Amino acid sequence: MQSDIFLVIGLVLGALAFPSLLNAYSQSRFPRLALLMFLGASVSVIIAFNTRPGGYTFSDIPEAFIRVIALVIG
């Protein structure tokens, strides 16, 4: 379950970093926050893949999101 949490955090951080990256480039400034978010997302996803036996497949990702949402709600 802990690897699911790391995976979801990493994917959400990566998704949030992308618009920040585009905004920084459109305003011709260095994307410090976006790079930090991408670094955190990458580390989080790597931890998730290394701590789960057998790793993840693409079909496991929606199930991981559902398990984490159920954990937060319940």
PDB file of N, CA and C in Angstrom:
ATOM      1  N   MET A   1       0.822  -1.189   0.000  1.00  0.00           N
ATOM      2  CA  MET A   1       0.000   0.000   0.000  1.00  0.00           C
ATOM      3  C   MET A   1       0.869   1.256   0.000  1.00  0.00           C
ATOM      4  N   GLN A   2       2.001   1.196   0.692  1.00  0.00           N
ATOM      5  CA  GLN A   2       2.864   2.365   0.748  1.00  0.00           C
ATOM      6  C   GLN A   2       3.405   2.710  -0.644  1.00  0.00           C
ATOM      7  N   SER A   3       3.681   1.701  -1.441  1.00  0.00           N
ATOM      8  CA  SER A   3       4.170   1.976  -2.787  1.00  0.00           C
ATOM      9  C   SER A   3       3.079   2.631  -3.636  1.00  0.00           C
ATOM     10  N   ASP A   4       1.811   2.291  -3.396  1.00  0.00           N
ATOM     11  CA  ASP A   4       0.715   2.954  -4.107  1.00  0.00           C
ATOM     12  C   ASP A   4       0.674   4.443  -3.780  1.00  0.00           C
ATOM     13  N   ILE A   5       0.893   4.768  -2.531  1.00  0.00           N
ATOM     14  CA  ILE A   5       0.878   6.172  -2.113  1.00  0.00           C
ATOM     15  C   ILE A   5       2.004   6.935  -2.797  1.00  0.00           C
ATOM     16  N   PHE A   6       3.205   6.356  -2.832  1.00  0.00           N
ATOM     17  CA  PHE A   6       4.322   7.005  -3.508  1.00  0.00           C
ATOM     18  C   PHE A   6       4.046   7.182  -4.997  1.00  0.00           C
ATOM     19  N   LEU A   7       3.445   6.183  -5.619  1.00  0.00           N
ATOM     20  CA  LEU A   7       3.132   6.271  -7.043  1.00  0.00           C
ATOM     21  C   LEU A   7       2.129   7.387  -7.318  1.00  0.00           C
ATOM     22  N   VAL A   8       1.071   7.442  -6.535  1.00  0.00           N
ATOM     23  CA  VAL A   8       0.044   8.466  -6.748  1.00  0.00           C
ATOM     24  C   VAL A   8       0.609   9.861  -6.499  1.00  0.00           C
ATOM     25  N   ILE A   9       1.379  10.028  -5.444  1.00  0.00           N
ATOM     26  CA  ILE A   9       1.987  11.336  -5.165  1.00  0.00           C
ATOM     27  C   ILE A   9       2.905  11.745  -6.308  1.00  0.00           C
ATOM     28  N   GLY A  10       3.703  10.805  -6.793  1.00  0.00           N
ATOM     29  CA  GLY A  10       4.615  11.114  -7.893  1.00  0.00           C
ATOM     30  C   GLY A  10       3.894  11.499  -9.168  1.00  0.00           C
ATOM     31  N   LEU A  11       2.845  10.769  -9.504  1.00  0.00           N
ATOM     32  CA  LEU A  11       2.107  11.085 -10.730  1.00  0.00           C
ATOM     33  C   LEU A  11       1.360  12.411 -10.627  1.00  0.00           C
ATOM     34  N   VAL A  12       0.797  12.696  -9.458  1.00  0.00           N
ATOM     35  CA  VAL A  12       0.093  13.966  -9.272  1.00  0.00           C
ATOM     36  C   VAL A  12       1.083  15.130  -9.304  1.00  0.00           C
ATOM     37  N   LEU A  13       2.235  14.974  -8.648  1.00  0.00           N
ATOM     38  CA  LEU A  13       3.250  16.030  -8.688  1.00  0.00           C
ATOM     39  C   LEU A  13       3.732  16.282 -10.112  1.00  0.00           C
ATOM     40  N   GLY A  14       3.938  15.218 -10.853  1.00  0.00           N
ATOM     41  CA  GLY A  14       4.365  15.371 -12.242  1.00  0.00           C
ATOM     42  C   GLY A  14       3.325  16.076 -13.091  1.00  0.00           C
ATOM     43  N   ALA A  15       2.064  15.749 -12.854  1.00  0.00           N
ATOM     44  CA  ALA A  15       0.982  16.398 -13.607  1.00  0.00           C
ATOM     45  C   ALA A  15       0.868  17.871 -13.236  1.00  0.00           C
ATOM     46  N   LEU A  16       1.115  18.206 -11.982  1.00  0.00           N
ATOM     47  CA  LEU A  16       1.048  19.609 -11.561  1.00  0.00           C
ATOM     48  C   LEU A  16       2.279  20.407 -11.996  1.00  0.00           C
ATOM     49  N   ALA A  17       3.388  19.740 -12.180  1.00  0.00           N
ATOM     50  CA  ALA A  17       4.611  20.428 -12.574  1.00  0.00           C
ATOM     51  C   ALA A  17       4.593  20.835 -14.041  1.00  0.00           C
ATOM     52  N   PHE A  18       3.896  20.092 -14.856  1.00  0.00           N
ATOM     53  CA  PHE A  18       3.914  20.370 -16.302  1.00  0.00           C
ATOM     54  C   PHE A  18       3.372  21.762 -16.650  1.00  0.00           C
ATOM     55  N   PRO A  19       2.206  22.190 -16.127  1.00  0.00           N
ATOM     56  CA  PRO A  19       1.751  23.556 -16.443  1.00  0.00           C
ATOM     57  C   PRO A  19       2.693  24.629 -15.901  1.00  0.00           C
ATOM     58  N   SER A  20       3.301  24.364 -14.746  1.00  0.00           N
ATOM     59  CA  SER A  20       4.257  25.306 -14.192  1.00  0.00           C
ATOM     60  C   SER A  20       5.475  25.446 -15.101  1.00  0.00           C
ATOM     61  N   LEU A  21       5.909  24.341 -15.663  1.00  0.00           N
ATOM     62  CA  LEU A  21       7.028  24.359 -16.592  1.00  0.00           C
ATOM     63  C   LEU A  21       6.688  25.163 -17.851  1.00  0.00           C
ATOM     64  N   LEU A  22       5.520  24.927 -18.398  1.00  0.00           N
ATOM     65  CA  LEU A  22       5.101  25.676 -19.590  1.00  0.00           C
ATOM     66  C   LEU A  22       4.966  27.169 -19.299  1.00  0.00           C
ATOM     67  N   ASN A  23       4.447  27.511 -18.135  1.00  0.00           N
ATOM     68  CA  ASN A  23       4.291  28.908 -17.760  1.00  0.00           C
ATOM     69  C   ASN A  23       5.652  29.595 -17.634  1.00  0.00           C
ATOM     70  N   ALA A  24       6.599  28.924 -17.018  1.00  0.00           N
ATOM     71  CA  ALA A  24       7.925  29.513 -16.854  1.00  0.00           C
ATOM     72  C   ALA A  24       8.592  29.744 -18.209  1.00  0.00           C
ATOM     73  N   TYR A  25       8.479  28.786 -19.100  1.00  0.00           N
ATOM     74  CA  TYR A  25       9.083  28.966 -20.419  1.00  0.00           C
ATOM     75  C   TYR A  25       8.378  30.037 -21.233  1.00  0.00           C
ATOM     76  N   SER A  26       7.074  30.159 -21.080  1.00  0.00           N
ATOM     77  CA  SER A  26       6.356  31.188 -21.836  1.00  0.00           C
ATOM     78  C   SER A  26       6.694  32.586 -21.336  1.00  0.00           C
ATOM     79  N   GLN A  27       7.091  32.699 -20.071  1.00  0.00           N
ATOM     80  CA  GLN A  27       7.475  33.996 -19.512  1.00  0.00           C
ATOM     81  C   GLN A  27       8.988  34.197 -19.529  1.00  0.00           C
ATOM     82  N   SER A  28       9.704  33.329 -20.191  1.00  0.00           N
ATOM     83  CA  SER A  28      11.163  33.396 -20.348  1.00  0.00           C
ATOM     84  C   SER A  28      11.901  33.485 -19.018  1.00  0.00           C
ATOM     85  N   ARG A  29      11.526  32.640 -18.097  1.00  0.00           N
ATOM     86  CA  ARG A  29      12.245  32.570 -16.824  1.00  0.00           C
ATOM     87  C   ARG A  29      12.588  31.121 -16.526  1.00  0.00           C
ATOM     88  N   PHE A  30      13.529  30.926 -15.608  1.00  0.00           N
ATOM     89  CA  PHE A  30      13.990  29.581 -15.280  1.00  0.00           C
ATOM     90  C   PHE A  30      12.948  28.861 -14.428  1.00  0.00           C
ATOM     91  N   PRO A  31      12.578  27.649 -14.776  1.00  0.00           N
ATOM     92  CA  PRO A  31      11.501  26.935 -14.067  1.00  0.00           C
ATOM     93  C   PRO A  31      11.988  26.211 -12.800  1.00  0.00           C
ATOM     94  N   ARG A  32      12.346  26.963 -11.774  1.00  0.00           N
ATOM     95  CA  ARG A  32      12.880  26.361 -10.546  1.00  0.00           C
ATOM     96  C   ARG A  32      11.864  25.450  -9.867  1.00  0.00           C
ATOM     97  N   LEU A  33      10.669  25.966  -9.623  1.00  0.00           N
ATOM     98  CA  LEU A  33       9.647  25.178  -8.926  1.00  0.00           C
ATOM     99  C   LEU A  33       9.250  23.943  -9.733  1.00  0.00           C
ATOM    100  N   ALA A  34       9.105  24.109 -11.030  1.00  0.00           N
ATOM    101  CA  ALA A  34       8.726  22.978 -11.880  1.00  0.00           C
ATOM    102  C   ALA A  34       9.797  21.890 -11.861  1.00  0.00           C
ATOM    103  N   LEU A  35      11.052  22.287 -11.882  1.00  0.00           N
ATOM    104  CA  LEU A  35      12.122  21.291 -11.839  1.00  0.00           C
ATOM    105  C   LEU A  35      12.168  20.578 -10.497  1.00  0.00           C
ATOM    106  N   LEU A  36      11.937  21.305  -9.413  1.00  0.00           N
ATOM    107  CA  LEU A  36      11.877  20.666  -8.094  1.00  0.00           C
ATOM    108  C   LEU A  36      10.699  19.697  -8.003  1.00  0.00           C
ATOM    109  N   MET A  37       9.575  20.088  -8.577  1.00  0.00           N
ATOM    110  CA  MET A  37       8.402  19.203  -8.563  1.00  0.00           C
ATOM    111  C   MET A  37       8.651  17.963  -9.409  1.00  0.00           C
ATOM    112  N   PHE A  38       9.275  18.123 -10.579  1.00  0.00           N
ATOM    113  CA  PHE A  38       9.602  16.965 -11.411  1.00  0.00           C
ATOM    114  C   PHE A  38      10.617  16.059 -10.722  1.00  0.00           C
ATOM    115  N   LEU A  39      11.571  16.641 -10.011  1.00  0.00           N
ATOM    116  CA  LEU A  39      12.536  15.839  -9.269  1.00  0.00           C
ATOM    117  C   LEU A  39      11.839  15.032  -8.174  1.00  0.00           C
ATOM    118  N   GLY A  40      10.966  15.692  -7.420  1.00  0.00           N
ATOM    119  CA  GLY A  40      10.208  14.993  -6.382  1.00  0.00           C
ATOM    120  C   GLY A  40       9.308  13.911  -6.963  1.00  0.00           C
ATOM    121  N   ALA A  41       8.682  14.204  -8.087  1.00  0.00           N
ATOM    122  CA  ALA A  41       7.817  13.219  -8.740  1.00  0.00           C
ATOM    123  C   ALA A  41       8.630  12.021  -9.212  1.00  0.00           C
ATOM    124  N   SER A  42       9.776  12.279  -9.792  1.00  0.00           N
ATOM    125  CA  SER A  42      10.620  11.182 -10.282  1.00  0.00           C
ATOM    126  C   SER A  42      11.098  10.295  -9.145  1.00  0.00           C
ATOM    127  N   VAL A  43      11.547  10.909  -8.068  1.00  0.00           N
ATOM    128  CA  VAL A  43      12.020  10.138  -6.919  1.00  0.00           C
ATOM    129  C   VAL A  43      10.876   9.310  -6.336  1.00  0.00           C
ATOM    130  N   SER A  44       9.707   9.905  -6.243  1.00  0.00           N
ATOM    131  CA  SER A  44       8.554   9.214  -5.683  1.00  0.00           C
ATOM    132  C   SER A  44       8.150   8.007  -6.539  1.00  0.00           C
ATOM    133  N   VAL A  45       8.131   8.167  -7.834  1.00  0.00           N
ATOM    134  CA  VAL A  45       7.766   7.065  -8.733  1.00  0.00           C
ATOM    135  C   VAL A  45       8.833   5.975  -8.701  1.00  0.00           C
ATOM    136  N   ILE A  46      10.092   6.359  -8.637  1.00  0.00           N
ATOM    137  CA  ILE A  46      11.165   5.363  -8.564  1.00  0.00           C
ATOM    138  C   ILE A  46      11.063   4.557  -7.268  1.00  0.00           C
ATOM    139  N   ILE A  47      10.789   5.240  -6.157  1.00  0.00           N
ATOM    140  CA  ILE A  47      10.608   4.533  -4.887  1.00  0.00           C
ATOM    141  C   ILE A  47       9.437   3.564  -4.988  1.00  0.00           C
ATOM    142  N   ALA A  48       8.345   4.000  -5.606  1.00  0.00           N
ATOM    143  CA  ALA A  48       7.170   3.137  -5.744  1.00  0.00           C
ATOM    144  C   ALA A  48       7.491   1.890  -6.559  1.00  0.00           C
ATOM    145  N   PHE A  49       8.210   2.052  -7.663  1.00  0.00           N
ATOM    146  CA  PHE A  49       8.531   0.904  -8.502  1.00  0.00           C
ATOM    147  C   PHE A  49       9.516  -0.038  -7.821  1.00  0.00           C
ATOM    148  N   ASN A  50      10.414   0.512  -7.008  1.00  0.00           N
ATOM    149  CA  ASN A  50      11.410  -0.335  -6.347  1.00  0.00           C
ATOM    150  C   ASN A  50      10.864  -1.048  -5.118  1.00  0.00           C
ATOM    151  N   THR A  51       9.844  -0.493  -4.464  1.00  0.00           N
ATOM    152  CA  THR A  51       9.339  -1.114  -3.249  1.00  0.00           C
ATOM    153  C   THR A  51       8.211  -2.110  -3.504  1.00  0.00           C
ATOM    154  N   ARG A  52       7.611  -2.082  -4.664  1.00  0.00           N
ATOM    155  CA  ARG A  52       6.545  -3.044  -4.963  1.00  0.00           C
ATOM    156  C   ARG A  52       7.130  -4.247  -5.678  1.00  0.00           C
ATOM    157  N   PRO A  53       6.918  -5.429  -5.131  1.00  0.00           N
ATOM    158  CA  PRO A  53       7.422  -6.638  -5.804  1.00  0.00           C
ATOM    159  C   PRO A  53       6.759  -6.806  -7.172  1.00  0.00           C
ATOM    160  N   GLY A  54       7.549  -6.921  -8.192  1.00  0.00           N
ATOM    161  CA  GLY A  54       7.021  -7.090  -9.538  1.00  0.00           C
ATOM    162  C   GLY A  54       6.775  -5.785 -10.260  1.00  0.00           C
ATOM    163  N   GLY A  55       6.863  -4.658  -9.567  1.00  0.00           N
ATOM    164  CA  GLY A  55       6.663  -3.353 -10.186  1.00  0.00           C
ATOM    165  C   GLY A  55       5.213  -3.088 -10.534  1.00  0.00           C
ATOM    166  N   TYR A  56       4.990  -2.138 -11.415  1.00  0.00           N
ATOM    167  CA  TYR A  56       3.654  -1.731 -11.843  1.00  0.00           C
ATOM    168  C   TYR A  56       3.526  -1.907 -13.355  1.00  0.00           C
ATOM    169  N   THR A  57       2.318  -2.172 -13.786  1.00  0.00           N
ATOM    170  CA  THR A  57       1.987  -2.110 -15.209  1.00  0.00           C
ATOM    171  C   THR A  57       1.004  -0.963 -15.390  1.00  0.00           C
ATOM    172  N   PHE A  58       0.712  -0.619 -16.639  1.00  0.00           N
ATOM    173  CA  PHE A  58      -0.214   0.487 -16.878  1.00  0.00           C
ATOM    174  C   PHE A  58      -1.606   0.193 -16.329  1.00  0.00           C
ATOM    175  N   SER A  59      -1.994  -1.052 -16.310  1.00  0.00           N
ATOM    176  CA  SER A  59      -3.325  -1.390 -15.794  1.00  0.00           C
ATOM    177  C   SER A  59      -3.379  -1.326 -14.267  1.00  0.00           C
ATOM    178  N   ASP A  60      -2.235  -1.320 -13.599  1.00  0.00           N
ATOM    179  CA  ASP A  60      -2.199  -1.209 -12.141  1.00  0.00           C
ATOM    180  C   ASP A  60      -2.365   0.227 -11.651  1.00  0.00           C
ATOM    181  N   ILE A  61      -2.098   1.193 -12.486  1.00  0.00           N
ATOM    182  CA  ILE A  61      -2.105   2.593 -12.055  1.00  0.00           C
ATOM    183  C   ILE A  61      -3.496   3.065 -11.636  1.00  0.00           C
ATOM    184  N   PRO A  62      -4.566   2.838 -12.415  1.00  0.00           N
ATOM    185  CA  PRO A  62      -5.890   3.259 -11.935  1.00  0.00           C
ATOM    186  C   PRO A  62      -6.304   2.568 -10.638  1.00  0.00           C
ATOM    187  N   GLU A  63      -5.926   1.302 -10.493  1.00  0.00           N
ATOM    188  CA  GLU A  63      -6.243   0.580  -9.263  1.00  0.00           C
ATOM    189  C   GLU A  63      -5.502   1.178  -8.072  1.00  0.00           C
ATOM    190  N   ALA A  64      -4.278   1.633  -8.288  1.00  0.00           N
ATOM    191  CA  ALA A  64      -3.515   2.270  -7.215  1.00  0.00           C
ATOM    192  C   ALA A  64      -4.188   3.577  -6.801  1.00  0.00           C
ATOM    193  N   PHE A  65      -4.672   4.354  -7.781  1.00  0.00           N
ATOM    194  CA  PHE A  65      -5.385   5.590  -7.463  1.00  0.00           C
ATOM    195  C   PHE A  65      -6.634   5.289  -6.636  1.00  0.00           C
ATOM    196  N   ILE A  66      -7.367   4.271  -7.012  1.00  0.00           N
ATOM    197  CA  ILE A  66      -8.590   3.917  -6.287  1.00  0.00           C
ATOM    198  C   ILE A  66      -8.267   3.492  -4.861  1.00  0.00           C
ATOM    199  N   ARG A  67      -7.209   2.685  -4.679  1.00  0.00           N
ATOM    200  CA  ARG A  67      -6.831   2.257  -3.330  1.00  0.00           C
ATOM    201  C   ARG A  67      -6.405   3.434  -2.462  1.00  0.00           C
ATOM    202  N   VAL A  68      -5.675   4.389  -3.031  1.00  0.00           N
ATOM    203  CA  VAL A  68      -5.233   5.552  -2.249  1.00  0.00           C
ATOM    204  C   VAL A  68      -6.423   6.450  -1.912  1.00  0.00           C
ATOM    205  N   ILE A  69      -7.331   6.659  -2.844  1.00  0.00           N
ATOM    206  CA  ILE A  69      -8.531   7.464  -2.570  1.00  0.00           C
ATOM    207  C   ILE A  69      -9.379   6.794  -1.505  1.00  0.00           C
ATOM    208  N   ALA A  70      -9.511   5.477  -1.575  1.00  0.00           N
ATOM    209  CA  ALA A  70     -10.267   4.743  -0.546  1.00  0.00           C
ATOM    210  C   ALA A  70      -9.603   4.871   0.816  1.00  0.00           C
ATOM    211  N   LEU A  71      -8.289   4.878   0.837  1.00  0.00           N
ATOM    212  CA  LEU A  71      -7.547   5.033   2.086  1.00  0.00           C
ATOM    213  C   LEU A  71      -7.781   6.419   2.684  1.00  0.00           C
ATOM    214  N   VAL A  72      -7.784   7.439   1.824  1.00  0.00           N
ATOM    215  CA  VAL A  72      -7.991   8.813   2.307  1.00  0.00           C
ATOM    216  C   VAL A  72      -9.421   9.020   2.788  1.00  0.00           C
ATOM    217  N   ILE A  73     -10.375   8.501   2.054  1.00  0.00           N
ATOM    218  CA  ILE A  73     -11.783   8.676   2.426  1.00  0.00           C
ATOM    219  C   ILE A  73     -12.150   7.839   3.646  1.00  0.00           C
ATOM    220  N   GLY A  74     -11.695   6.598   3.665  1.00  0.00           N
ATOM    221  CA  GLY A  74     -12.103   5.666   4.710  1.00  0.00           C
ATOM    222  C   GLY A  74     -11.210   5.768   5.874  1.00  0.00           C
TER     223      GLY A  74
END
